Structures are given as structure tokens and as C-alpha cells.
C-alpha atoms as a PDB file:
ATOM      1  CA  MET A   1     -16.165  15.884 -25.192  1.00  0.00           C
ATOM      2  CA  THR A   2     -12.621  15.666 -26.356  1.00  0.00           C
ATOM      3  CA  ASP A   3     -10.026  12.454 -27.160  1.00  0.00           C
ATOM      4  CA  SER A   4      -7.474  12.118 -24.115  1.00  0.00           C
ATOM      5  CA  ALA A   5      -5.308   9.613 -25.312  1.00  0.00           C
ATOM      6  CA  PRO A   6      -1.953   9.064 -24.537  1.00  0.00           C
ATOM      7  CA  PRO A   7       1.110   9.859 -26.171  1.00  0.00           C
ATOM      8  CA  ALA A   8       2.203   6.912 -28.077  1.00  0.00           C
ATOM      9  CA  LEU A   9       5.130   4.995 -27.747  1.00  0.00           C
ATOM     10  CA  THR A  10       8.703   5.507 -29.446  1.00  0.00           C
ATOM     11  CA  ALA A  11       9.955   2.121 -30.954  1.00  0.00           C
ATOM     12  CA  ALA A  12      12.889   2.464 -28.012  1.00  0.00           C
ATOM     13  CA  GLN A  13      10.124   3.199 -24.679  1.00  0.00           C
ATOM     14  CA  LYS A  14       8.198   0.260 -26.667  1.00  0.00           C
ATOM     15  CA  GLY A  15      11.093  -2.077 -26.592  1.00  0.00           C
ATOM     16  CA  TRP A  16      12.353  -1.484 -23.500  1.00  0.00           C
ATOM     17  CA  ALA A  17       8.895  -2.077 -22.120  1.00  0.00           C
ATOM     18  CA  LEU A  18       8.681  -5.300 -23.568  1.00  0.00           C
ATOM     19  CA  GLY A  19      12.015  -6.119 -22.371  1.00  0.00           C
ATOM     20  CA  ALA A  20      10.950  -5.821 -17.972  1.00  0.00           C
ATOM     21  CA  ALA A  21       7.568  -7.316 -18.994  1.00  0.00           C
ATOM     22  CA  ALA A  22       9.018 -10.325 -20.574  1.00  0.00           C
ATOM     23  CA  LEU A  23      11.405 -10.997 -17.344  1.00  0.00           C
ATOM     24  CA  PHE A  24       8.783 -10.081 -15.391  1.00  0.00           C
ATOM     25  CA  LEU A  25       6.787 -13.649 -17.294  1.00  0.00           C
ATOM     26  CA  ILE A  26      10.397 -14.587 -16.634  1.00  0.00           C
ATOM     27  CA  ALA A  27      10.254 -14.540 -13.281  1.00  0.00           C
ATOM     28  CA  VAL A  28       6.404 -15.498 -11.863  1.00  0.00           C
ATOM     29  CA  THR A  29       6.280 -19.069 -14.223  1.00  0.00           C
ATOM     30  CA  PHE A  30      10.089 -19.396 -12.009  1.00  0.00           C
ATOM     31  CA  LEU A  31       7.882 -18.415  -9.003  1.00  0.00           C
ATOM     32  CA  GLY A  32       5.657 -21.274  -9.261  1.00  0.00           C
ATOM     33  CA  PHE A  33       7.930 -23.912 -10.257  1.00  0.00           C
ATOM     34  CA  ALA A  34       9.656 -22.782  -7.242  1.00  0.00           C
ATOM     35  CA  LEU A  35       6.614 -23.174  -5.176  1.00  0.00           C
ATOM     36  CA  SER A  36       5.856 -26.624  -7.240  1.00  0.00           C
ATOM     37  CA  GLN A  37       9.177 -28.477  -6.513  1.00  0.00           C
ATOM     38  CA  GLN A  38       9.898 -26.112  -3.281  1.00  0.00           C
ATOM     39  CA  VAL A  39      12.876 -24.726  -4.300  1.00  0.00           C
ATOM     40  CA  LEU A  40      14.317 -21.231  -4.333  1.00  0.00           C
ATOM     41  CA  VAL A  41      11.186 -20.263  -3.177  1.00  0.00           C
ATOM     42  CA  ALA A  42      12.324 -17.391  -0.822  1.00  0.00           C
ATOM     43  CA  PHE A  43      14.217 -15.402  -4.574  1.00  0.00           C
ATOM     44  CA  ALA A  44      11.394 -16.311  -6.532  1.00  0.00           C
ATOM     45  CA  ILE A  45       9.403 -14.297  -3.874  1.00  0.00           C
ATOM     46  CA  GLY A  46      11.857 -11.098  -3.938  1.00  0.00           C
ATOM     47  CA  TRP A  47      12.889 -11.515  -7.522  1.00  0.00           C
ATOM     48  CA  VAL A  48       9.031 -10.916  -8.238  1.00  0.00           C
ATOM     49  CA  ALA A  49       8.700  -8.296  -5.856  1.00  0.00           C
ATOM     50  CA  LEU A  50      12.568  -6.258  -6.226  1.00  0.00           C
ATOM     51  CA  GLN A  51      10.242  -6.286 -10.400  1.00  0.00           C
ATOM     52  CA  ILE A  52       7.266  -4.582  -8.720  1.00  0.00           C
ATOM     53  CA  PHE A  53       8.399  -2.669  -6.617  1.00  0.00           C
ATOM     54  CA  GLY A  54      10.877  -2.125  -9.127  1.00  0.00           C
ATOM     55  CA  TYR A  55       8.897  -1.308 -12.264  1.00  0.00           C
ATOM     56  CA  VAL A  56       7.014   0.813 -10.317  1.00  0.00           C
ATOM     57  CA  GLY A  57       9.527   3.013  -8.161  1.00  0.00           C
ATOM     58  CA  ALA A  58      11.223   3.933 -12.045  1.00  0.00           C
ATOM     59  CA  ILE A  59       8.301   4.359 -13.808  1.00  0.00           C
ATOM     60  CA  LYS A  60       6.942   6.770 -11.878  1.00  0.00           C
ATOM     61  CA  PHE A  61      10.590   8.328 -11.418  1.00  0.00           C
ATOM     62  CA  ALA A  62      11.184   9.162 -14.970  1.00  0.00           C
ATOM     63  CA  ASN A  63       7.510  10.459 -15.741  1.00  0.00           C
ATOM     64  CA  GLY A  64       6.140   6.599 -16.933  1.00  0.00           C
ATOM     65  CA  ASP A  65       9.386   6.980 -19.825  1.00  0.00           C
ATOM     66  CA  PHE A  66      10.358   3.805 -20.152  1.00  0.00           C
ATOM     67  CA  ALA A  67      13.190   4.990 -22.089  1.00  0.00           C
ATOM     68  CA  HIS A  68      14.358   7.125 -19.037  1.00  0.00           C
ATOM     69  CA  PRO A  69      17.894   5.039 -17.951  1.00  0.00           C
ATOM     70  CA  LEU A  70      16.322   5.172 -14.471  1.00  0.00           C
ATOM     71  CA  PHE A  71      14.177   2.537 -15.975  1.00  0.00           C
ATOM     72  CA  LYS A  72      16.401   0.665 -18.486  1.00  0.00           C
ATOM     73  CA  SER A  73      18.776   0.264 -14.956  1.00  0.00           C
ATOM     74  CA  GLN A  74      15.421  -1.343 -13.425  1.00  0.00           C
ATOM     75  CA  VAL A  75      15.658  -3.673 -17.198  1.00  0.00           C
ATOM     76  CA  MET A  76      19.334  -4.413 -17.106  1.00  0.00           C
ATOM     77  CA  LEU A  77      19.560  -5.256 -13.027  1.00  0.00           C
ATOM     78  CA  HIS A  78      16.535  -8.440 -13.880  1.00  0.00           C
ATOM     79  CA  ILE A  79      18.838  -9.481 -16.643  1.00  0.00           C
ATOM     80  CA  VAL A  80      21.241  -9.470 -13.958  1.00  0.00           C
ATOM     81  CA  ALA A  81      19.605 -10.969 -11.580  1.00  0.00           C
ATOM     82  CA  PHE A  82      18.229 -14.344 -14.277  1.00  0.00           C
ATOM     83  CA  GLY A  83      21.635 -14.527 -15.944  1.00  0.00           C
ATOM     84  CA  LEU A  84      22.242 -15.808 -11.884  1.00  0.00           C
ATOM     85  CA  LEU A  85      19.943 -18.259 -12.090  1.00  0.00           C
ATOM     86  CA  VAL A  86      20.223 -19.203 -15.049  1.00  0.00           C
ATOM     87  CA  LEU A  87      24.018 -19.909 -13.252  1.00  0.00           C
ATOM     88  CA  ALA A  88      23.169 -21.743 -10.610  1.00  0.00           C
ATOM     89  CA  VAL A  89      20.830 -24.081 -11.956  1.00  0.00           C
ATOM     90  CA  THR A  90      23.995 -24.847 -14.740  1.00  0.00           C
ATOM     91  CA  ARG A  91      25.892 -25.506 -12.133  1.00  0.00           C
ATOM     92  CA  ALA A  92      22.986 -27.484  -9.863  1.00  0.00           C
ATOM     93  CA  THR A  93      22.584 -30.216 -13.148  1.00  0.00           C
ATOM     94  CA  SER A  94      26.418 -30.280 -14.623  1.00  0.00           C
END
């Protein structure tokens, strides 16, 4: 019986995958906060949904390559969304 282990990830692939996972955890955490406080609920739900469909679609088209430009653009898109969230919260509290 042969052992068909998946190929090892490169350092770049691990970095982009870690970035995507961190942004997803931030989005899920914000979703919990938004639901408990009833603020920005639509944004929180939409952001999590956009990440799920975006990451899955990007990985599908990139054939599992986390360092593919399409996956990188998804991560950068969610970095911008996180920046907009930080900006909105900063403006609302100051």
C-alpha cells in the first residue's frame, strides 16, 4: 500500500495560508461581537460569507496553491476590509 501524502507547503504558501486563517478568525470573532452587541451585523455576516466563498473559490481555481496571485488578492481584499472596519470603529469611538 502506498502512502499518498500531500506535497509539503513552501514557506510562501504557509505564510499566505496563515494570513488567511488569521483574517478568518478575526472575522468570526467580530461576527460574535456584532451579534452580541447588535452593531454592524450585516457587515459581519457579509464579511464571513465573502471570506468563505472567496477563499474556497480562489483555492479551487489556483489548484490548491496558497501562493497563487488569485489567493493573494483574496487575502489582500480582506486586509482592506479589516482596515475599513478598524477605521469605522476608530471614528465611532473618537
